[in-house]
Amino acid sequence: MALLHSSATKPIILSIPVELLISFLLIIIILSQVSVVEGDCKLYNISDTFVIGVPGKPSFKSFVKREKSRYSGFCIEVFEAAMKELDCSGPFTYKEFDGTYNELVAKVANKTYSAAVGDITILAERWEIVAFTAPFTESGLTLVVPVRPGPKAGIFLKPFTRGMWLATAAVLVYTMFIVWFVERQSKNEEFCGPFSNQLGNALWFTFSSLFLAHRERIQSNYARIVVVVWLFLALILTQSYTANLTSMLTLSKLRPKIWSREKVGCDENAFMKKYIQGELNFSNEIIPIKDEDEYLARFKNGSISAAFLENPYAKTFVNRYCRNFTLIPTKYSFGGFGFIFQKQYSPLAADVSKAILQLSQLGELKRLEKKWLTPYNECSQSQTTTEDIDSLGLEHSETRTDDVDSLDLLSFRGLFLFSVATSSVCFLLFLGHLLKDYIYGSPQPVADVNENNEIVLTKDTAVTDCVVQY
């Protein structure tokens, strides 16, 4: 009985572990597949063998950098954000490559790496062997030049030309004479007394009207018309002067030093040096530089006086050192930075390109650029000079405060003529009034002010006789 019982129960005991083992193995297989492939990555055949190469020696660490076993930077975050738009959030296998960028592209072409992520410039010769995405940065070549303080002494005279200053002084003196003559003949006590006091009061009245309200009373209506027109002219002149001086002071902060063709640096990438030497005719004068720190060191020790950088590099460098460097734009451009894939992953490259465009429309690219490339708020303003390099064959280029044109007499000719004409007409009318009184012998009304601050006319010319004393 014991043997029969044993034989009968043995199959039951063995059947339970087999079922549990099969279920356990199925769960492990499913979980392993989920851990390797997430979202829709399976649509692109992305698996654990999908290895992404990253530059081991980037020119600027803001684009790609390694923190222990984790990679970060502008390019990494843009790539992962684009893949997330495709519901493919990884994890991705990154592998550092310490060779040149051309060698990294070749590694993708020969299928050593499935893709490459970094600050990789889109070039025609590279396009032939790998699949590029749409660029996620702007293209272009920029010259970075150290700045120097602009001239401070005498800059307050720059907003106006010499002719403009002389015309302003002439109109001021002419207006002063008209006001003095009319008010003195109107027996205004403010313009009577010793001749030196009369001249001083008239000059003070006319000049101070540029900045503050005057205390002298004007009695004659002719003088009031002259003063109103002068105040209008003075308002236009002061506002124009202030605006032009502000522009000059701002530009003087961005004034670059003179740069020499014999001291120009560029990125050590082969294509950049070859391009500048071939297309820009710099022969063998270019100094190759490996990274951001070397750029700064060579600028400080005088090894280079300027550096050609791609736009993203230039913006990053100047944003960090905006008080010391400025940008001079050029008319030369490249394809921008893009991600690369093996040719067999061309559909994936096309979808990533679409995702990059979506990120740009949503403002995500701008946010990441602000985070990684231009994080310094004090340098958020444009550091680009107003001068473009029209001809790189020149020995040097310099931006001056003269780039802001001084205001000349031609710009204000109408206002000056209007002021002079108004003053002259009022002067002639007042002379005619005096001549009429002289011919017909009628007493000249004299204005006076009573205790209630009211103007009272009196016929008695002897009361406030205005006599010139020397």
Protein backbone atom coordinates (compact mmCIF):
# COMPACT_ATOMS: atom_id res chain seq x y z
CA MET A 1 0.00 0.00 0.00
CA ALA A 2 2.82 2.31 0.82
CA LEU A 3 4.44 1.62 -2.53
CA LEU A 4 1.20 2.10 -4.40
CA HIS A 5 0.52 5.29 -2.57
CA SER A 6 3.98 6.49 -3.31
CA SER A 7 3.70 5.71 -6.99
CA ALA A 8 0.30 7.33 -7.20
CA THR A 9 1.28 10.53 -5.55
CA LYS A 10 4.65 10.98 -7.28
CA PRO A 11 3.27 12.39 -10.58
CA ILE A 12 1.18 14.90 -8.64
CA ILE A 13 4.19 16.09 -6.67
CA LEU A 14 6.35 16.48 -9.83
CA SER A 15 3.68 18.25 -11.92
CA ILE A 16 3.44 21.27 -9.66
CA PRO A 17 7.11 22.46 -9.91
CA VAL A 18 7.13 22.06 -13.73
CA GLU A 19 4.16 24.40 -14.20
CA LEU A 20 5.59 26.93 -11.80
CA LEU A 21 8.95 26.76 -13.57
CA ILE A 22 7.40 27.34 -16.98
CA SER A 23 5.39 30.33 -15.71
CA PHE A 24 8.45 31.77 -14.04
CA LEU A 25 10.51 31.47 -17.22
CA LEU A 26 7.79 33.18 -19.27
CA ILE A 27 7.69 36.09 -16.80
CA ILE A 28 11.48 36.47 -16.96
CA ILE A 29 11.43 36.52 -20.76
CA ILE A 30 8.70 39.16 -20.87
CA LEU A 31 10.39 41.33 -18.26
CA SER A 32 13.72 41.07 -20.05
CA GLN A 33 12.13 42.24 -23.28
CA VAL A 34 10.45 45.17 -21.55
CA SER A 35 13.70 46.25 -19.90
CA VAL A 36 15.48 46.31 -23.23
CA VAL A 37 12.79 47.80 -25.42
CA GLU A 38 10.40 50.47 -24.20
CA GLY A 39 7.65 52.38 -25.96
CA ASP A 40 7.84 52.08 -29.75
CA CYS A 41 11.61 51.61 -29.96
CA LYS A 42 10.94 48.14 -31.34
CA LEU A 43 9.57 49.79 -34.49
CA TYR A 44 13.12 50.97 -35.24
CA ASN A 45 14.86 47.71 -34.23
CA ILE A 46 16.54 49.43 -31.30
CA SER A 47 17.87 46.84 -28.87
CA ASP A 48 20.75 46.39 -26.50
CA THR A 49 23.05 46.18 -29.53
CA PHE A 50 22.11 49.76 -30.53
CA VAL A 51 25.27 51.60 -29.41
CA ILE A 52 25.50 55.39 -29.68
CA GLY A 53 28.91 57.00 -30.04
CA VAL A 54 29.59 60.35 -28.38
CA PRO A 55 32.64 62.62 -28.78
CA GLY A 56 35.17 61.99 -26.04
CA LYS A 57 36.92 65.33 -26.57
CA PRO A 58 34.26 67.92 -27.43
CA SER A 59 35.37 71.46 -28.13
CA PHE A 60 32.90 72.82 -25.58
CA LYS A 61 31.68 70.79 -22.62
CA SER A 62 28.27 72.44 -22.70
CA PHE A 63 27.37 70.27 -25.69
CA VAL A 64 28.51 66.86 -24.44
CA LYS A 65 30.04 66.00 -21.09
CA ARG A 66 30.44 62.92 -18.96
CA GLU A 67 29.63 62.85 -15.27
CA LYS A 68 30.86 59.51 -13.91
CA SER A 69 28.84 56.95 -15.88
CA ARG A 70 26.19 59.38 -17.08
CA TYR A 71 26.27 61.64 -20.13
CA SER A 72 24.65 65.06 -20.23
CA GLY A 73 24.83 68.31 -22.16
CA PHE A 74 22.87 70.17 -24.78
CA CYS A 75 23.20 67.55 -27.52
CA ILE A 76 22.35 64.65 -25.20
CA GLU A 77 19.21 66.33 -23.87
CA VAL A 78 18.03 67.33 -27.35
CA PHE A 79 18.48 63.75 -28.59
CA GLU A 80 16.66 62.18 -25.64
CA ALA A 81 13.85 64.76 -25.89
CA ALA A 82 13.45 63.96 -29.60
CA MET A 83 13.36 60.21 -28.93
CA LYS A 84 10.82 60.80 -26.19
CA GLU A 85 8.61 62.52 -28.76
CA LEU A 86 8.74 59.19 -30.62
CA ASP A 87 7.69 57.31 -27.45
CA CYS A 88 11.14 55.79 -27.29
CA SER A 89 12.69 56.87 -24.02
CA GLY A 90 15.54 54.36 -23.84
CA PRO A 91 17.61 53.46 -21.96
CA PHE A 92 20.30 54.15 -24.55
CA THR A 93 23.83 52.79 -24.56
CA TYR A 94 26.37 55.59 -25.00
CA LYS A 95 30.01 54.87 -25.73
CA GLU A 96 32.74 57.49 -25.63
CA PHE A 97 34.97 57.87 -28.67
CA ASP A 98 38.26 59.76 -28.30
CA GLY A 99 39.06 60.19 -31.98
CA THR A 100 38.28 63.04 -34.33
CA TYR A 101 34.78 63.90 -35.55
CA ASN A 102 35.53 62.53 -39.03
CA GLU A 103 36.65 59.25 -37.45
CA LEU A 104 33.46 59.14 -35.38
CA VAL A 105 31.39 59.55 -38.55
CA ALA A 106 33.40 56.75 -40.17
CA LYS A 107 32.70 54.50 -37.17
CA VAL A 108 28.97 54.95 -37.74
CA ALA A 109 29.39 54.33 -41.46
CA ASN A 110 31.23 51.03 -40.91
CA LYS A 111 28.58 49.97 -38.34
CA THR A 112 30.85 50.08 -35.31
CA TYR A 113 28.25 52.40 -33.82
CA SER A 114 24.58 52.45 -34.69
CA ALA A 115 24.41 56.24 -34.28
CA ALA A 116 26.38 59.22 -32.96
CA VAL A 117 25.15 62.09 -30.80
CA GLY A 118 27.10 65.29 -30.30
CA ASP A 119 28.14 68.58 -31.86
CA ILE A 120 28.63 66.99 -35.29
CA THR A 121 28.56 69.43 -38.20
CA ILE A 122 26.48 68.47 -41.23
CA LEU A 123 28.80 68.39 -44.27
CA ALA A 124 28.25 67.22 -47.83
CA GLU A 125 30.98 64.58 -47.73
CA ARG A 126 29.62 63.15 -44.48
CA TRP A 127 26.09 63.10 -45.87
CA GLU A 128 27.18 60.53 -48.46
CA ILE A 129 28.06 57.81 -45.93
CA VAL A 130 25.64 58.31 -43.01
CA ALA A 131 22.06 59.43 -42.42
CA PHE A 132 21.83 62.91 -40.85
CA THR A 133 18.87 64.35 -39.02
CA ALA A 134 17.67 67.91 -39.47
CA PRO A 135 20.01 70.42 -37.76
CA PHE A 136 19.11 71.35 -34.20
CA THR A 137 21.36 74.43 -34.11
CA GLU A 138 21.88 77.40 -36.41
CA SER A 139 24.73 77.37 -38.88
CA GLY A 140 27.32 80.01 -39.64
CA LEU A 141 30.88 81.11 -39.08
CA THR A 142 31.64 83.88 -36.58
CA LEU A 143 34.79 85.73 -35.59
CA VAL A 144 35.34 86.14 -31.85
CA VAL A 145 37.46 89.17 -30.94
CA PRO A 146 38.51 90.64 -27.56
CA VAL A 147 36.95 93.98 -26.70
CA ARG A 148 38.65 97.09 -25.39
CA PRO A 149 37.16 100.15 -23.71
CA GLY A 150 36.13 102.88 -26.08
CA PRO A 151 37.52 106.41 -25.72
CA LYS A 152 35.77 108.28 -22.90
CA ALA A 153 37.38 111.72 -23.08
CA GLY A 154 35.43 113.98 -25.39
CA ILE A 155 32.78 111.42 -26.23
CA PHE A 156 30.11 113.84 -24.98
CA LEU A 157 30.87 115.99 -28.05
CA LYS A 158 30.43 113.11 -30.51
CA PRO A 159 26.60 113.07 -30.77
CA PHE A 160 26.69 116.34 -32.78
CA THR A 161 29.01 117.33 -35.59
CA ARG A 162 31.08 120.50 -35.34
CA GLY A 163 28.71 122.31 -37.66
CA MET A 164 25.77 121.25 -35.52
CA TRP A 165 27.41 122.61 -32.36
CA LEU A 166 28.25 125.93 -34.08
CA ALA A 167 24.71 126.29 -35.45
CA THR A 168 23.22 125.57 -32.01
CA ALA A 169 25.48 128.16 -30.37
CA ALA A 170 24.65 130.72 -33.08
CA VAL A 171 20.89 130.24 -32.69
CA LEU A 172 21.24 130.45 -28.90
CA VAL A 173 23.12 133.77 -29.12
CA TYR A 174 20.67 135.14 -31.70
CA THR A 175 17.71 134.18 -29.53
CA MET A 176 19.41 135.75 -26.50
CA PHE A 177 19.88 139.01 -28.39
CA ILE A 178 16.24 139.14 -29.54
CA VAL A 179 14.90 138.45 -26.04
CA TRP A 180 17.26 140.99 -24.47
CA PHE A 181 16.43 143.73 -26.96
CA VAL A 182 12.67 143.25 -26.87
CA GLU A 183 12.46 142.95 -23.09
CA ARG A 184 14.77 145.90 -22.47
CA GLN A 185 12.70 148.13 -24.75
CA SER A 186 9.61 146.89 -22.90
CA LYS A 187 11.15 148.27 -19.68
CA ASN A 188 11.51 144.81 -18.07
CA GLU A 189 13.53 145.38 -14.88
CA GLU A 190 15.11 141.91 -15.20
CA PHE A 191 16.94 143.10 -18.31
CA CYS A 192 17.83 146.63 -17.13
CA GLY A 193 20.70 148.01 -15.11
CA PRO A 194 24.40 147.72 -15.89
CA PHE A 195 25.16 146.29 -19.31
CA SER A 196 27.07 143.36 -17.82
CA ASN A 197 23.99 142.42 -15.75
CA GLN A 198 21.75 142.70 -18.78
CA LEU A 199 24.03 140.46 -20.83
CA GLY A 200 24.37 137.96 -17.98
CA ASN A 201 20.62 137.78 -17.37
CA ALA A 202 19.87 137.36 -21.06
CA LEU A 203 22.48 134.61 -21.46
CA TRP A 204 21.38 132.85 -18.28
CA PHE A 205 17.73 133.02 -19.30
CA THR A 206 18.32 131.56 -22.76
CA PHE A 207 20.78 128.84 -21.73
CA SER A 208 18.96 127.71 -18.56
CA SER A 209 15.75 127.22 -20.51
CA LEU A 210 17.40 124.06 -21.89
CA PHE A 211 17.34 122.38 -18.49
CA LEU A 212 15.03 124.14 -16.01
CA ALA A 213 12.21 126.60 -15.62
CA HIS A 214 13.46 130.21 -15.49
CA ARG A 215 12.42 132.71 -12.86
CA GLU A 216 12.61 135.83 -15.08
CA ARG A 217 9.26 137.18 -16.27
CA ILE A 218 8.67 137.85 -19.96
CA GLN A 219 6.50 140.92 -20.58
CA SER A 220 6.42 141.31 -24.35
CA ASN A 221 4.31 138.97 -26.47
CA TYR A 222 6.96 139.12 -29.19
CA ALA A 223 9.58 137.78 -26.77
CA ARG A 224 7.18 135.08 -25.60
CA ILE A 225 6.75 133.80 -29.17
CA VAL A 226 10.54 133.72 -29.63
CA VAL A 227 11.02 131.82 -26.36
CA VAL A 228 8.31 129.25 -27.17
CA VAL A 229 9.91 128.40 -30.51
CA TRP A 230 13.35 128.24 -28.87
CA LEU A 231 12.05 125.87 -26.17
CA PHE A 232 10.61 123.58 -28.83
CA LEU A 233 13.94 123.53 -30.67
CA ALA A 234 15.80 122.95 -27.39
CA LEU A 235 13.55 119.98 -26.53
CA ILE A 236 14.26 118.28 -29.86
CA LEU A 237 18.00 118.92 -29.55
CA THR A 238 18.31 117.59 -26.00
CA GLN A 239 16.32 114.42 -26.73
CA SER A 240 18.31 113.70 -29.89
CA TYR A 241 21.59 114.35 -28.11
CA THR A 242 20.67 112.00 -25.26
CA ALA A 243 19.61 109.19 -27.59
CA ASN A 244 22.74 109.42 -29.74
CA LEU A 245 25.09 109.61 -26.75
CA THR A 246 23.44 106.52 -25.24
CA SER A 247 24.00 104.59 -28.46
CA MET A 248 27.65 105.61 -28.57
CA LEU A 249 28.28 104.65 -24.96
CA THR A 250 26.65 101.25 -25.54
CA LEU A 251 28.64 100.57 -28.69
CA SER A 252 31.92 101.62 -27.08
CA LYS A 253 31.56 98.68 -24.67
CA LEU A 254 31.60 96.30 -27.66
CA ARG A 255 34.54 97.85 -29.45
CA PRO A 256 36.85 95.01 -30.58
CA LYS A 257 40.60 95.14 -30.57
CA ILE A 258 42.52 95.10 -33.81
CA TRP A 259 43.02 91.53 -34.99
CA SER A 260 45.84 90.22 -37.12
CA ARG A 261 45.77 87.51 -39.80
CA GLU A 262 48.93 86.03 -38.32
CA LYS A 263 47.21 85.37 -34.98
CA VAL A 264 43.88 83.71 -35.81
CA GLY A 265 42.76 80.48 -34.19
CA CYS A 266 40.08 77.93 -35.01
CA ASP A 267 38.83 74.54 -33.89
CA GLU A 268 41.33 71.76 -34.46
CA ASN A 269 38.81 69.79 -36.51
CA ALA A 270 40.31 69.05 -39.88
CA PHE A 271 37.37 70.37 -41.90
CA MET A 272 37.34 73.76 -40.11
CA LYS A 273 41.04 74.47 -40.66
CA LYS A 274 40.82 73.25 -44.25
CA TYR A 275 37.77 75.42 -44.91
CA ILE A 276 39.33 78.61 -43.54
CA GLN A 277 42.59 78.02 -45.35
CA GLY A 278 40.92 77.14 -48.64
CA GLU A 279 37.83 79.31 -48.80
CA LEU A 280 39.02 82.32 -46.80
CA ASN A 281 42.61 82.33 -48.12
CA PHE A 282 44.38 82.19 -44.77
CA SER A 283 47.07 79.76 -46.06
CA ASN A 284 48.98 78.29 -43.10
CA GLU A 285 48.35 81.08 -40.63
CA ILE A 286 45.56 79.34 -38.69
CA ILE A 287 46.36 78.12 -35.16
CA PRO A 288 44.39 74.95 -34.23
CA ILE A 289 42.85 74.98 -30.74
CA LYS A 290 41.34 71.97 -29.00
CA ASP A 291 38.85 73.29 -26.45
CA GLU A 292 37.28 76.27 -24.68
CA ASP A 293 39.97 76.54 -22.01
CA GLU A 294 42.74 76.76 -24.58
CA TYR A 295 40.87 79.52 -26.44
CA LEU A 296 40.77 81.60 -23.27
CA ALA A 297 44.40 80.89 -22.39
CA ARG A 298 45.66 81.82 -25.87
CA PHE A 299 43.63 85.04 -25.88
CA LYS A 300 45.15 86.00 -22.54
CA ASN A 301 48.76 85.29 -23.50
CA GLY A 302 48.39 86.97 -26.90
CA SER A 303 48.94 83.85 -29.01
CA ILE A 304 45.79 84.66 -30.96
CA SER A 305 44.04 87.97 -31.60
CA ALA A 306 40.83 86.44 -32.98
CA ALA A 307 39.19 83.04 -33.46
CA PHE A 308 36.84 81.59 -36.06
CA LEU A 309 34.08 79.58 -34.41
CA GLU A 310 30.81 78.06 -35.53
CA ASN A 311 27.84 80.07 -34.27
CA PRO A 312 26.82 77.74 -31.40
CA TYR A 313 30.40 77.69 -30.07
CA ALA A 314 30.76 81.46 -30.45
CA LYS A 315 27.50 82.18 -28.61
CA THR A 316 28.49 79.85 -25.77
CA PHE A 317 31.97 81.35 -25.42
CA VAL A 318 30.89 85.00 -25.55
CA ASN A 319 27.95 84.42 -23.21
CA ARG A 320 30.38 83.17 -20.60
CA TYR A 321 32.98 85.92 -21.16
CA CYS A 322 30.78 88.73 -22.50
CA ARG A 323 32.72 91.47 -20.70
CA ASN A 324 35.88 90.52 -22.56
CA PHE A 325 34.83 89.38 -26.04
CA THR A 326 32.44 90.29 -28.81
CA LEU A 327 31.27 88.75 -32.09
CA ILE A 328 31.83 89.86 -35.67
CA PRO A 329 29.46 87.98 -38.02
CA THR A 330 30.50 86.62 -41.41
CA LYS A 331 28.54 85.58 -44.48
CA TYR A 332 29.80 81.99 -44.43
CA SER A 333 27.70 79.10 -43.13
CA PHE A 334 27.60 75.33 -42.66
CA GLY A 335 24.81 72.81 -42.20
CA GLY A 336 24.56 73.16 -38.43
CA PHE A 337 24.78 70.35 -35.87
CA GLY A 338 22.86 67.11 -36.43
CA PHE A 339 22.64 63.53 -35.18
CA ILE A 340 23.89 60.71 -37.42
CA PHE A 341 22.66 57.14 -37.95
CA GLN A 342 23.64 54.22 -40.08
CA LYS A 343 22.07 54.26 -43.51
CA GLN A 344 19.80 51.36 -42.51
CA TYR A 345 18.27 53.61 -39.85
CA SER A 346 17.29 56.33 -42.35
CA PRO A 347 13.57 56.05 -41.39
CA LEU A 348 14.55 56.64 -37.76
CA ALA A 349 16.65 59.66 -38.78
CA ALA A 350 13.66 61.09 -40.65
CA ASP A 351 11.39 60.63 -37.63
CA VAL A 352 13.97 62.20 -35.32
CA SER A 353 14.15 65.17 -37.71
CA LYS A 354 10.38 65.59 -37.41
CA ALA A 355 10.65 65.37 -33.63
CA ILE A 356 13.35 68.07 -33.64
CA LEU A 357 11.04 70.37 -35.58
CA GLN A 358 8.28 69.70 -33.06
CA LEU A 359 10.63 70.56 -30.19
CA SER A 360 11.56 73.78 -31.95
CA GLN A 361 7.91 74.75 -32.42
CA LEU A 362 7.14 74.01 -28.77
CA GLY A 363 10.05 76.18 -27.60
CA GLU A 364 11.88 73.23 -26.05
CA LEU A 365 15.02 73.78 -28.12
CA LYS A 366 15.13 77.41 -27.00
CA ARG A 367 14.79 76.35 -23.37
CA LEU A 368 17.61 73.80 -23.64
CA GLU A 369 19.78 76.35 -25.44
CA LYS A 370 19.19 78.82 -22.62
CA LYS A 371 20.00 76.14 -20.05
CA TRP A 372 23.24 74.87 -21.58
CA LEU A 373 24.62 77.46 -24.02
CA THR A 374 23.59 80.90 -22.73
CA PRO A 375 22.88 80.49 -18.99
CA TYR A 376 24.39 83.77 -17.82
CA ASN A 377 21.73 86.47 -17.47
CA GLU A 378 24.21 89.36 -17.24
CA CYS A 379 25.33 88.46 -20.73
CA SER A 380 21.88 87.93 -22.18
CA GLN A 381 22.07 91.06 -24.35
CA SER A 382 23.42 90.84 -27.84
CA GLN A 383 27.20 90.97 -27.98
CA THR A 384 27.41 91.32 -31.74
CA THR A 385 29.05 94.36 -33.27
CA THR A 386 27.32 96.28 -36.02
CA GLU A 387 30.14 95.69 -38.48
CA ASP A 388 30.18 92.71 -40.80
CA ILE A 389 33.36 91.38 -42.38
CA ASP A 390 32.81 92.23 -46.02
CA SER A 391 36.34 91.33 -47.00
CA LEU A 392 38.52 88.99 -45.02
CA GLY A 393 41.53 90.03 -47.04
CA LEU A 394 42.01 93.06 -44.80
CA GLU A 395 44.85 93.08 -42.35
CA HIS A 396 42.55 93.94 -39.48
CA SER A 397 39.05 95.03 -38.66
CA GLU A 398 37.88 97.43 -36.00
CA THR A 399 34.50 98.69 -34.86
CA ARG A 400 34.52 102.30 -33.70
CA THR A 401 32.11 104.61 -32.01
CA ASP A 402 32.03 106.42 -35.36
CA ASP A 403 29.76 103.59 -36.50
CA VAL A 404 27.01 105.61 -34.81
CA ASP A 405 26.68 108.66 -37.05
CA SER A 406 26.92 112.07 -35.42
CA LEU A 407 23.86 114.20 -36.01
CA ASP A 408 24.63 116.90 -38.56
CA LEU A 409 23.07 120.24 -39.39
CA LEU A 410 21.23 118.80 -42.37
CA SER A 411 19.03 116.71 -40.07
CA PHE A 412 17.81 119.80 -38.17
CA ARG A 413 18.02 122.41 -40.88
CA GLY A 414 14.26 122.95 -40.94
CA LEU A 415 14.02 123.50 -37.18
CA PHE A 416 16.90 125.97 -37.14
CA LEU A 417 15.45 127.93 -40.05
CA PHE A 418 12.04 128.01 -38.38
CA SER A 419 13.51 129.31 -35.12
CA VAL A 420 15.65 131.97 -36.82
CA ALA A 421 12.77 133.05 -39.07
CA THR A 422 10.34 133.35 -36.15
CA SER A 423 12.82 135.39 -34.11
CA SER A 424 13.56 137.65 -37.07
CA VAL A 425 9.89 138.27 -37.83
CA CYS A 426 9.16 139.08 -34.17
CA PHE A 427 12.17 141.40 -34.08
CA LEU A 428 11.05 143.25 -37.23
CA LEU A 429 7.48 143.58 -35.98
CA PHE A 430 8.74 144.95 -32.68
CA LEU A 431 10.98 147.46 -34.51
CA GLY A 432 8.00 148.53 -36.56
CA HIS A 433 6.02 149.05 -33.38
CA LEU A 434 8.82 151.19 -31.90
CA LEU A 435 9.15 153.15 -35.14
CA LYS A 436 5.43 153.84 -35.18
CA ASP A 437 5.51 155.11 -31.62
CA TYR A 438 8.53 157.28 -32.45
CA ILE A 439 6.94 158.81 -35.56
CA TYR A 440 3.55 159.51 -34.09
CA GLY A 441 4.97 160.34 -30.68
CA SER A 442 2.56 158.13 -28.76
CA PRO A 443 3.85 156.98 -25.41
CA GLN A 444 4.98 153.39 -25.30
CA PRO A 445 2.97 151.21 -22.96
CA VAL A 446 5.05 149.84 -20.19
CA ALA A 447 4.14 146.58 -18.48
CA ASP A 448 4.26 146.33 -14.72
CA VAL A 449 3.21 143.73 -12.16
CA ASN A 450 1.02 144.67 -9.20
CA GLU A 451 0.75 143.02 -5.78
CA ASN A 452 -1.72 140.45 -7.12
CA ASN A 453 0.85 139.30 -9.65
CA GLU A 454 -1.20 140.82 -12.48
CA ILE A 455 0.32 142.63 -15.46
CA VAL A 456 -0.77 146.28 -15.57
CA LEU A 457 -0.06 148.63 -18.46
CA THR A 458 0.86 152.23 -17.72
CA LYS A 459 1.52 155.17 -20.04
CA ASP A 460 4.06 156.79 -17.78
CA THR A 461 7.43 156.00 -19.29
CA ALA A 462 9.29 157.80 -16.61
CA VAL A 463 8.24 155.38 -13.88
CA THR A 464 10.45 152.48 -14.93
CA ASP A 465 12.97 154.09 -17.21
CA CYS A 466 15.53 151.50 -18.31
CA VAL A 467 18.93 153.12 -18.65
CA VAL A 468 22.05 151.33 -19.81
CA GLN A 469 24.82 151.77 -17.28
CA TYR A 470 28.42 150.83 -18.01
